[in-house]
Amino acid sequence: MAKSFLNNPNYSRGLRNNNPGNLVYTNITWAGKVPKSLNKDANQKFEQFYELRYGIRALMRDLISDVAKPGQNTLIGLIHSYAPAFENDTTAYINSVAKSVGISPNAKIELTEQSLVVMCKAIIYVENGAANAKLITDADYNDALAILGKNLKKKKA
């Protein structure tokens, strides 16, 4: 059975939205997205998904899209866009993700299934804190990869 934390007040906002990347609400028609009329996030600021795997999938697709944009193929460029300074301590965010991922903030991001999962884990850790991030298992990331709809290399070459 698919995992869901939807609207459960015992978890971080990202988990209770099944949106551990805290993607802001948009008009994107994400797979598994809760329609705006049913979205119970405070002020409907963030997307909600029916299942956790759909929220992780949306984060993965967002990262793939963003890394392909000019100036966003490094952690510095990506995180400045993904988590802007008016809402986050962007420098601390970049440093935390870089340490977790094991690359320099200025290094070009090479997306493989493995690097994408590692980057998602690092972002989810920053967005939700350690206790909530630990509730997401490797099986949850694999479930998201299975429905990703994008072909990435399995391992770094």
N, C-alpha and C. Protein backbone atom coordinates (compact mmCIF):
# COMPACT_ATOMS: atom_id res chain seq x y z
N MET A 1 0.84 -1.19 0.00
CA MET A 1 0.00 0.00 0.00
C MET A 1 0.88 1.25 0.00
N ALA A 2 0.48 2.24 -0.76
CA ALA A 2 1.26 3.46 -0.88
C ALA A 2 1.24 4.25 0.43
N LYS A 3 2.36 4.88 0.71
CA LYS A 3 2.51 5.64 1.95
C LYS A 3 1.91 7.04 1.80
N SER A 4 1.24 7.48 2.85
CA SER A 4 0.68 8.83 2.86
C SER A 4 0.68 9.38 4.28
N PHE A 5 1.08 10.64 4.40
CA PHE A 5 1.02 11.37 5.66
C PHE A 5 -0.02 12.50 5.56
N LEU A 6 -0.81 12.50 4.49
CA LEU A 6 -1.67 13.62 4.14
C LEU A 6 -2.52 14.11 5.31
N ASN A 7 -2.33 15.39 5.59
CA ASN A 7 -3.08 16.14 6.61
C ASN A 7 -2.91 15.61 8.04
N ASN A 8 -1.88 14.81 8.28
CA ASN A 8 -1.62 14.30 9.63
C ASN A 8 -0.78 15.34 10.39
N PRO A 9 -1.35 15.96 11.41
CA PRO A 9 -0.67 17.05 12.11
C PRO A 9 0.56 16.62 12.92
N ASN A 10 0.83 15.34 13.01
CA ASN A 10 1.98 14.86 13.79
C ASN A 10 3.31 14.97 13.05
N TYR A 11 3.27 15.43 11.81
CA TYR A 11 4.47 15.47 10.99
C TYR A 11 4.76 16.88 10.48
N SER A 12 5.94 17.06 9.91
CA SER A 12 6.30 18.35 9.34
C SER A 12 5.33 18.71 8.22
N ARG A 13 5.29 19.98 7.89
CA ARG A 13 4.38 20.44 6.84
C ARG A 13 4.64 19.71 5.52
N GLY A 14 5.90 19.50 5.19
CA GLY A 14 6.23 18.81 3.96
C GLY A 14 5.67 17.39 3.93
N LEU A 15 5.77 16.68 5.04
CA LEU A 15 5.24 15.32 5.07
C LEU A 15 3.72 15.34 5.10
N ARG A 16 3.12 16.20 5.89
CA ARG A 16 1.65 16.17 5.96
C ARG A 16 1.01 16.63 4.65
N ASN A 17 1.80 17.21 3.76
CA ASN A 17 1.34 17.53 2.41
C ASN A 17 1.75 16.45 1.41
N ASN A 18 2.47 15.41 1.88
CA ASN A 18 3.08 14.42 0.97
C ASN A 18 3.93 15.13 -0.07
N ASN A 19 4.52 16.23 0.33
CA ASN A 19 5.31 17.11 -0.53
C ASN A 19 6.60 17.45 0.23
N PRO A 20 7.47 16.44 0.43
CA PRO A 20 8.64 16.68 1.29
C PRO A 20 9.65 17.67 0.74
N GLY A 21 9.53 18.04 -0.53
CA GLY A 21 10.39 19.07 -1.09
C GLY A 21 9.80 20.46 -0.92
N ASN A 22 8.59 20.53 -0.34
CA ASN A 22 7.89 21.80 -0.13
C ASN A 22 7.78 22.62 -1.42
N LEU A 23 7.32 21.95 -2.48
CA LEU A 23 7.08 22.66 -3.73
C LEU A 23 5.90 23.60 -3.55
N VAL A 24 6.09 24.84 -3.94
CA VAL A 24 5.05 25.86 -3.83
C VAL A 24 3.93 25.52 -4.82
N TYR A 25 2.70 25.84 -4.42
CA TYR A 25 1.54 25.55 -5.28
C TYR A 25 1.68 26.28 -6.61
N THR A 26 1.44 25.55 -7.71
CA THR A 26 1.44 26.11 -9.06
C THR A 26 0.27 25.51 -9.83
N ASN A 27 0.16 25.90 -11.08
CA ASN A 27 -0.86 25.32 -11.95
C ASN A 27 -0.35 24.08 -12.69
N ILE A 28 0.83 23.60 -12.34
CA ILE A 28 1.36 22.39 -12.96
C ILE A 28 0.43 21.23 -12.59
N THR A 29 0.11 20.42 -13.55
CA THR A 29 -0.79 19.29 -13.33
C THR A 29 0.02 18.05 -12.96
N TRP A 30 0.65 18.09 -11.80
CA TRP A 30 1.46 16.98 -11.32
C TRP A 30 0.61 15.71 -11.18
N ALA A 31 1.19 14.58 -11.46
CA ALA A 31 0.53 13.30 -11.19
C ALA A 31 0.30 13.19 -9.69
N GLY A 32 -0.88 12.75 -9.29
CA GLY A 32 -1.18 12.54 -7.88
C GLY A 32 -1.43 13.80 -7.07
N LYS A 33 -1.57 14.92 -7.73
CA LYS A 33 -1.77 16.21 -7.06
C LYS A 33 -3.19 16.33 -6.51
N VAL A 34 -3.29 16.84 -5.30
CA VAL A 34 -4.59 17.15 -4.71
C VAL A 34 -5.08 18.43 -5.38
N PRO A 35 -6.30 18.44 -5.93
CA PRO A 35 -6.80 19.66 -6.57
C PRO A 35 -6.89 20.82 -5.57
N LYS A 36 -6.75 22.02 -6.09
CA LYS A 36 -6.76 23.20 -5.23
C LYS A 36 -8.02 23.25 -4.35
N SER A 37 -9.15 22.83 -4.89
CA SER A 37 -10.40 22.88 -4.12
C SER A 37 -10.37 21.97 -2.90
N LEU A 38 -9.46 20.99 -2.89
CA LEU A 38 -9.34 20.05 -1.76
C LEU A 38 -8.05 20.24 -0.96
N ASN A 39 -7.19 21.14 -1.43
CA ASN A 39 -5.90 21.38 -0.79
C ASN A 39 -6.12 22.03 0.57
N LYS A 40 -5.64 21.38 1.63
CA LYS A 40 -5.84 21.88 3.00
C LYS A 40 -4.58 22.50 3.60
N ASP A 41 -3.55 22.72 2.78
CA ASP A 41 -2.37 23.41 3.28
C ASP A 41 -2.75 24.84 3.66
N ALA A 42 -2.11 25.35 4.71
CA ALA A 42 -2.38 26.72 5.16
C ALA A 42 -2.23 27.69 4.00
N ASN A 43 -3.28 28.42 3.70
CA ASN A 43 -3.31 29.38 2.59
C ASN A 43 -3.00 28.75 1.24
N GLN A 44 -3.03 27.44 1.18
CA GLN A 44 -2.73 26.68 -0.05
C GLN A 44 -1.41 27.13 -0.66
N LYS A 45 -0.44 27.41 0.20
CA LYS A 45 0.88 27.86 -0.28
C LYS A 45 1.63 26.73 -0.97
N PHE A 46 1.53 25.51 -0.42
CA PHE A 46 2.29 24.39 -0.96
C PHE A 46 1.38 23.36 -1.60
N GLU A 47 1.96 22.66 -2.57
CA GLU A 47 1.25 21.56 -3.22
C GLU A 47 0.95 20.47 -2.20
N GLN A 48 -0.12 19.75 -2.44
CA GLN A 48 -0.41 18.53 -1.69
C GLN A 48 -0.56 17.39 -2.70
N PHE A 49 -0.15 16.19 -2.27
CA PHE A 49 -0.24 15.01 -3.11
C PHE A 49 -0.95 13.92 -2.33
N TYR A 50 -1.67 13.06 -3.04
CA TYR A 50 -2.42 11.99 -2.39
C TYR A 50 -1.50 10.96 -1.73
N GLU A 51 -0.33 10.74 -2.34
CA GLU A 51 0.63 9.77 -1.81
C GLU A 51 2.02 10.38 -1.80
N LEU A 52 2.84 9.91 -0.88
CA LEU A 52 4.21 10.40 -0.75
C LEU A 52 5.00 10.24 -2.04
N ARG A 53 4.84 9.09 -2.71
CA ARG A 53 5.63 8.85 -3.92
C ARG A 53 5.39 9.91 -4.98
N TYR A 54 4.18 10.46 -5.04
CA TYR A 54 3.89 11.51 -6.02
C TYR A 54 4.59 12.82 -5.66
N GLY A 55 4.68 13.11 -4.37
CA GLY A 55 5.40 14.31 -3.95
C GLY A 55 6.89 14.21 -4.20
N ILE A 56 7.45 13.03 -3.95
CA ILE A 56 8.88 12.83 -4.24
C ILE A 56 9.11 12.88 -5.74
N ARG A 57 8.21 12.28 -6.51
CA ARG A 57 8.31 12.31 -7.97
C ARG A 57 8.30 13.76 -8.47
N ALA A 58 7.41 14.59 -7.94
CA ALA A 58 7.33 15.99 -8.35
C ALA A 58 8.65 16.71 -8.04
N LEU A 59 9.21 16.45 -6.87
CA LEU A 59 10.51 17.03 -6.52
C LEU A 59 11.57 16.59 -7.52
N MET A 60 11.60 15.30 -7.84
CA MET A 60 12.58 14.79 -8.79
C MET A 60 12.43 15.46 -10.15
N ARG A 61 11.21 15.54 -10.64
CA ARG A 61 10.97 16.15 -11.96
C ARG A 61 11.33 17.64 -11.94
N ASP A 62 11.03 18.31 -10.83
CA ASP A 62 11.37 19.72 -10.70
C ASP A 62 12.89 19.91 -10.74
N LEU A 63 13.61 19.06 -10.02
CA LEU A 63 15.07 19.16 -10.02
C LEU A 63 15.65 18.88 -11.40
N ILE A 64 15.14 17.86 -12.07
CA ILE A 64 15.62 17.54 -13.42
C ILE A 64 15.42 18.73 -14.35
N SER A 65 14.25 19.33 -14.27
CA SER A 65 13.93 20.49 -15.11
C SER A 65 14.83 21.68 -14.76
N ASP A 66 15.00 21.93 -13.47
CA ASP A 66 15.80 23.08 -13.05
C ASP A 66 17.27 22.93 -13.40
N VAL A 67 17.83 21.75 -13.22
CA VAL A 67 19.26 21.53 -13.51
C VAL A 67 19.54 21.75 -15.00
N ALA A 68 18.55 21.55 -15.85
CA ALA A 68 18.71 21.74 -17.29
C ALA A 68 18.70 23.21 -17.70
N LYS A 69 18.30 24.10 -16.79
CA LYS A 69 18.22 25.53 -17.10
C LYS A 69 19.59 26.18 -16.98
N PRO A 70 19.87 27.18 -17.81
CA PRO A 70 21.15 27.89 -17.72
C PRO A 70 21.39 28.46 -16.33
N GLY A 71 22.58 28.24 -15.81
CA GLY A 71 22.97 28.78 -14.51
C GLY A 71 22.49 27.99 -13.31
N GLN A 72 21.75 26.88 -13.54
CA GLN A 72 21.23 26.11 -12.43
C GLN A 72 21.80 24.69 -12.38
N ASN A 73 22.90 24.45 -13.07
CA ASN A 73 23.47 23.11 -13.08
C ASN A 73 24.57 22.92 -12.02
N THR A 74 24.60 23.82 -11.05
CA THR A 74 25.45 23.67 -9.86
C THR A 74 24.54 23.80 -8.64
N LEU A 75 25.01 23.35 -7.49
CA LEU A 75 24.19 23.48 -6.29
C LEU A 75 23.93 24.95 -5.95
N ILE A 76 24.92 25.80 -6.18
CA ILE A 76 24.72 27.24 -5.91
C ILE A 76 23.58 27.77 -6.77
N GLY A 77 23.63 27.52 -8.06
CA GLY A 77 22.59 28.01 -8.96
C GLY A 77 21.24 27.38 -8.67
N LEU A 78 21.25 26.07 -8.45
CA LEU A 78 20.00 25.35 -8.21
C LEU A 78 19.32 25.80 -6.93
N ILE A 79 20.06 25.83 -5.83
CA ILE A 79 19.46 26.16 -4.53
C ILE A 79 19.05 27.63 -4.46
N HIS A 80 19.80 28.53 -5.11
CA HIS A 80 19.38 29.94 -5.12
C HIS A 80 18.02 30.08 -5.79
N SER A 81 17.74 29.26 -6.80
CA SER A 81 16.44 29.29 -7.46
C SER A 81 15.39 28.52 -6.66
N TYR A 82 15.76 27.34 -6.17
CA TYR A 82 14.82 26.45 -5.49
C TYR A 82 14.40 26.98 -4.12
N ALA A 83 15.35 27.54 -3.39
CA ALA A 83 15.10 28.01 -2.02
C ALA A 83 15.63 29.44 -1.88
N PRO A 84 14.92 30.41 -2.43
CA PRO A 84 15.43 31.79 -2.48
C PRO A 84 15.70 32.39 -1.09
N ALA A 85 16.64 33.32 -1.09
CA ALA A 85 17.12 33.93 0.15
C ALA A 85 16.02 34.65 0.94
N PHE A 86 14.96 35.10 0.29
CA PHE A 86 13.92 35.80 1.04
C PHE A 86 13.12 34.84 1.93
N GLU A 87 13.29 33.53 1.73
CA GLU A 87 12.61 32.53 2.55
C GLU A 87 13.56 31.63 3.32
N ASN A 88 14.83 31.60 2.94
CA ASN A 88 15.78 30.62 3.48
C ASN A 88 17.14 31.22 3.74
N ASP A 89 17.91 30.55 4.59
CA ASP A 89 19.33 30.85 4.72
C ASP A 89 20.00 30.05 3.60
N THR A 90 20.05 30.66 2.43
CA THR A 90 20.48 29.97 1.22
C THR A 90 21.90 29.43 1.34
N THR A 91 22.79 30.17 1.95
CA THR A 91 24.17 29.70 2.10
C THR A 91 24.23 28.43 2.94
N ALA A 92 23.52 28.41 4.05
CA ALA A 92 23.48 27.22 4.90
C ALA A 92 22.83 26.05 4.15
N TYR A 93 21.78 26.34 3.39
CA TYR A 93 21.07 25.33 2.61
C TYR A 93 22.04 24.70 1.60
N ILE A 94 22.74 25.55 0.85
CA ILE A 94 23.70 25.06 -0.15
C ILE A 94 24.77 24.21 0.51
N ASN A 95 25.32 24.70 1.61
CA ASN A 95 26.39 23.96 2.30
C ASN A 95 25.90 22.62 2.82
N SER A 96 24.69 22.57 3.35
CA SER A 96 24.14 21.32 3.86
C SER A 96 23.95 20.31 2.73
N VAL A 97 23.36 20.74 1.62
CA VAL A 97 23.13 19.84 0.49
C VAL A 97 24.47 19.40 -0.11
N ALA A 98 25.41 20.33 -0.25
CA ALA A 98 26.72 19.98 -0.82
C ALA A 98 27.43 18.93 0.03
N LYS A 99 27.36 19.10 1.34
CA LYS A 99 27.99 18.12 2.24
C LYS A 99 27.32 16.75 2.11
N SER A 100 26.00 16.74 2.08
CA SER A 100 25.26 15.48 1.96
C SER A 100 25.50 14.79 0.63
N VAL A 101 25.52 15.57 -0.43
CA VAL A 101 25.69 15.02 -1.77
C VAL A 101 27.15 14.66 -2.04
N GLY A 102 28.06 15.36 -1.38
CA GLY A 102 29.48 15.06 -1.55
C GLY A 102 30.11 15.72 -2.76
N ILE A 103 29.58 16.89 -3.15
CA ILE A 103 30.19 17.64 -4.25
C ILE A 103 30.35 19.09 -3.82
N SER A 104 31.23 19.78 -4.52
CA SER A 104 31.44 21.20 -4.27
C SER A 104 30.18 21.97 -4.71
N PRO A 105 29.85 23.04 -4.01
CA PRO A 105 28.70 23.85 -4.42
C PRO A 105 28.81 24.38 -5.85
N ASN A 106 30.05 24.50 -6.36
CA ASN A 106 30.27 25.02 -7.71
C ASN A 106 30.39 23.93 -8.77
N ALA A 107 30.40 22.67 -8.35
CA ALA A 107 30.57 21.56 -9.30
C ALA A 107 29.31 21.38 -10.15
N LYS A 108 29.52 21.00 -11.39
CA LYS A 108 28.39 20.72 -12.28
C LYS A 108 27.65 19.48 -11.78
N ILE A 109 26.34 19.57 -11.70
CA ILE A 109 25.52 18.45 -11.25
C ILE A 109 25.34 17.47 -12.40
N GLU A 110 25.71 16.22 -12.16
CA GLU A 110 25.51 15.14 -13.14
C GLU A 110 24.37 14.29 -12.62
N LEU A 111 23.24 14.33 -13.29
CA LEU A 111 22.07 13.60 -12.81
C LEU A 111 22.06 12.15 -13.28
N THR A 112 22.03 11.27 -12.30
CA THR A 112 21.78 9.85 -12.50
C THR A 112 20.68 9.51 -11.50
N GLU A 113 20.14 8.31 -11.59
CA GLU A 113 19.14 7.93 -10.59
C GLU A 113 19.72 8.07 -9.19
N GLN A 114 20.95 7.60 -9.02
CA GLN A 114 21.59 7.63 -7.70
C GLN A 114 21.80 9.07 -7.22
N SER A 115 22.35 9.93 -8.07
CA SER A 115 22.62 11.31 -7.63
C SER A 115 21.33 12.08 -7.38
N LEU A 116 20.29 11.78 -8.16
CA LEU A 116 19.00 12.43 -7.96
C LEU A 116 18.41 12.06 -6.61
N VAL A 117 18.46 10.79 -6.25
CA VAL A 117 17.94 10.36 -4.95
C VAL A 117 18.75 10.99 -3.82
N VAL A 118 20.06 11.02 -3.94
CA VAL A 118 20.91 11.61 -2.90
C VAL A 118 20.58 13.10 -2.74
N MET A 119 20.40 13.79 -3.87
CA MET A 119 20.06 15.21 -3.80
C MET A 119 18.67 15.41 -3.18
N CYS A 120 17.71 14.57 -3.54
CA CYS A 120 16.38 14.67 -2.94
C CYS A 120 16.45 14.44 -1.43
N LYS A 121 17.20 13.43 -1.01
CA LYS A 121 17.34 13.16 0.42
C LYS A 121 17.92 14.38 1.15
N ALA A 122 18.92 15.02 0.55
CA ALA A 122 19.55 16.18 1.18
C ALA A 122 18.58 17.35 1.28
N ILE A 123 17.82 17.59 0.23
CA ILE A 123 16.84 18.68 0.23
C ILE A 123 15.72 18.39 1.23
N ILE A 124 15.25 17.17 1.25
CA ILE A 124 14.18 16.78 2.17
C ILE A 124 14.64 16.90 3.62
N TYR A 125 15.90 16.59 3.88
CA TYR A 125 16.47 16.75 5.22
C TYR A 125 16.41 18.21 5.65
N VAL A 126 16.83 19.12 4.75
CA VAL A 126 16.82 20.55 5.08
C VAL A 126 15.38 21.04 5.24
N GLU A 127 14.50 20.62 4.37
CA GLU A 127 13.12 21.11 4.37
C GLU A 127 12.29 20.60 5.55
N ASN A 128 12.59 19.38 6.05
CA ASN A 128 11.72 18.74 7.04
C ASN A 128 12.40 18.40 8.36
N GLY A 129 13.71 18.49 8.43
CA GLY A 129 14.44 18.11 9.63
C GLY A 129 14.73 16.62 9.64
N ALA A 130 15.69 16.25 10.46
CA ALA A 130 16.19 14.87 10.49
C ALA A 130 15.12 13.85 10.85
N ALA A 131 14.34 14.12 11.88
CA ALA A 131 13.36 13.13 12.36
C ALA A 131 12.32 12.81 11.29
N ASN A 132 11.84 13.83 10.59
CA ASN A 132 10.84 13.60 9.55
C ASN A 132 11.46 13.01 8.29
N ALA A 133 12.67 13.44 7.94
CA ALA A 133 13.34 12.91 6.74
C ALA A 133 13.60 11.41 6.88
N LYS A 134 13.86 10.95 8.11
CA LYS A 134 14.12 9.52 8.34
C LYS A 134 12.90 8.65 8.10
N LEU A 135 11.71 9.25 8.07
CA LEU A 135 10.49 8.49 7.84
C LEU A 135 10.32 8.09 6.38
N ILE A 136 11.12 8.71 5.51
CA ILE A 136 11.07 8.39 4.09
C ILE A 136 12.16 7.35 3.82
N THR A 137 11.76 6.20 3.32
CA THR A 137 12.67 5.07 3.13
C THR A 137 13.20 5.00 1.70
N ASP A 138 14.20 4.16 1.51
CA ASP A 138 14.71 3.92 0.16
C ASP A 138 13.61 3.38 -0.74
N ALA A 139 12.72 2.58 -0.18
CA ALA A 139 11.59 2.06 -0.96
C ALA A 139 10.71 3.21 -1.46
N ASP A 140 10.53 4.25 -0.66
CA ASP A 140 9.73 5.40 -1.08
C ASP A 140 10.39 6.11 -2.27
N TYR A 141 11.71 6.27 -2.21
CA TYR A 141 12.43 6.89 -3.33
C TYR A 141 12.35 6.00 -4.56
N ASN A 142 12.47 4.70 -4.38
CA ASN A 142 12.36 3.77 -5.50
C ASN A 142 10.96 3.80 -6.11
N ASP A 143 9.94 3.94 -5.27
CA ASP A 143 8.56 4.06 -5.78
C ASP A 143 8.43 5.31 -6.65
N ALA A 144 9.05 6.39 -6.23
CA ALA A 144 9.00 7.64 -7.01
C ALA A 144 9.77 7.48 -8.33
N LEU A 145 10.93 6.83 -8.27
CA LEU A 145 11.69 6.60 -9.50
C LEU A 145 10.89 5.74 -10.49
N ALA A 146 10.14 4.79 -9.97
CA ALA A 146 9.37 3.88 -10.82
C ALA A 146 8.28 4.61 -11.60
N ILE A 147 7.80 5.73 -11.09
CA ILE A 147 6.75 6.49 -11.78
C ILE A 147 7.28 7.82 -12.32
N LEU A 148 8.58 8.01 -12.31
CA LEU A 148 9.20 9.28 -12.70
C LEU A 148 8.87 9.68 -14.13
N GLY A 149 8.94 8.73 -15.05
CA GLY A 149 8.67 9.04 -16.45
C GLY A 149 9.84 9.71 -17.14
N LYS A 150 11.01 9.60 -16.58
CA LYS A 150 12.24 10.14 -17.18
C LYS A 150 13.30 9.05 -17.12
N ASN A 151 14.09 8.96 -18.17
CA ASN A 151 15.18 7.98 -18.18
C ASN A 151 16.47 8.65 -17.75
N LEU A 152 17.02 8.16 -16.67
CA LEU A 152 18.31 8.63 -16.19
C LEU A 152 19.24 7.44 -16.13
N LYS A 153 20.54 7.70 -16.20
CA LYS A 153 21.51 6.64 -16.05
C LYS A 153 21.36 6.05 -14.66
N LYS A 154 21.65 4.76 -14.54
CA LYS A 154 21.53 4.07 -13.25
C LYS A 154 22.65 4.47 -12.30
N LYS A 155 23.86 4.59 -12.82
CA LYS A 155 25.01 4.93 -11.99
C LYS A 155 25.88 5.92 -12.73
N LYS A 156 26.71 6.61 -11.98
CA LYS A 156 27.67 7.52 -12.59
C LYS A 156 28.60 6.72 -13.47
N ALA A 157 28.95 7.33 -14.61
CA ALA A 157 29.85 6.65 -15.56
C ALA A 157 31.29 6.76 -15.11
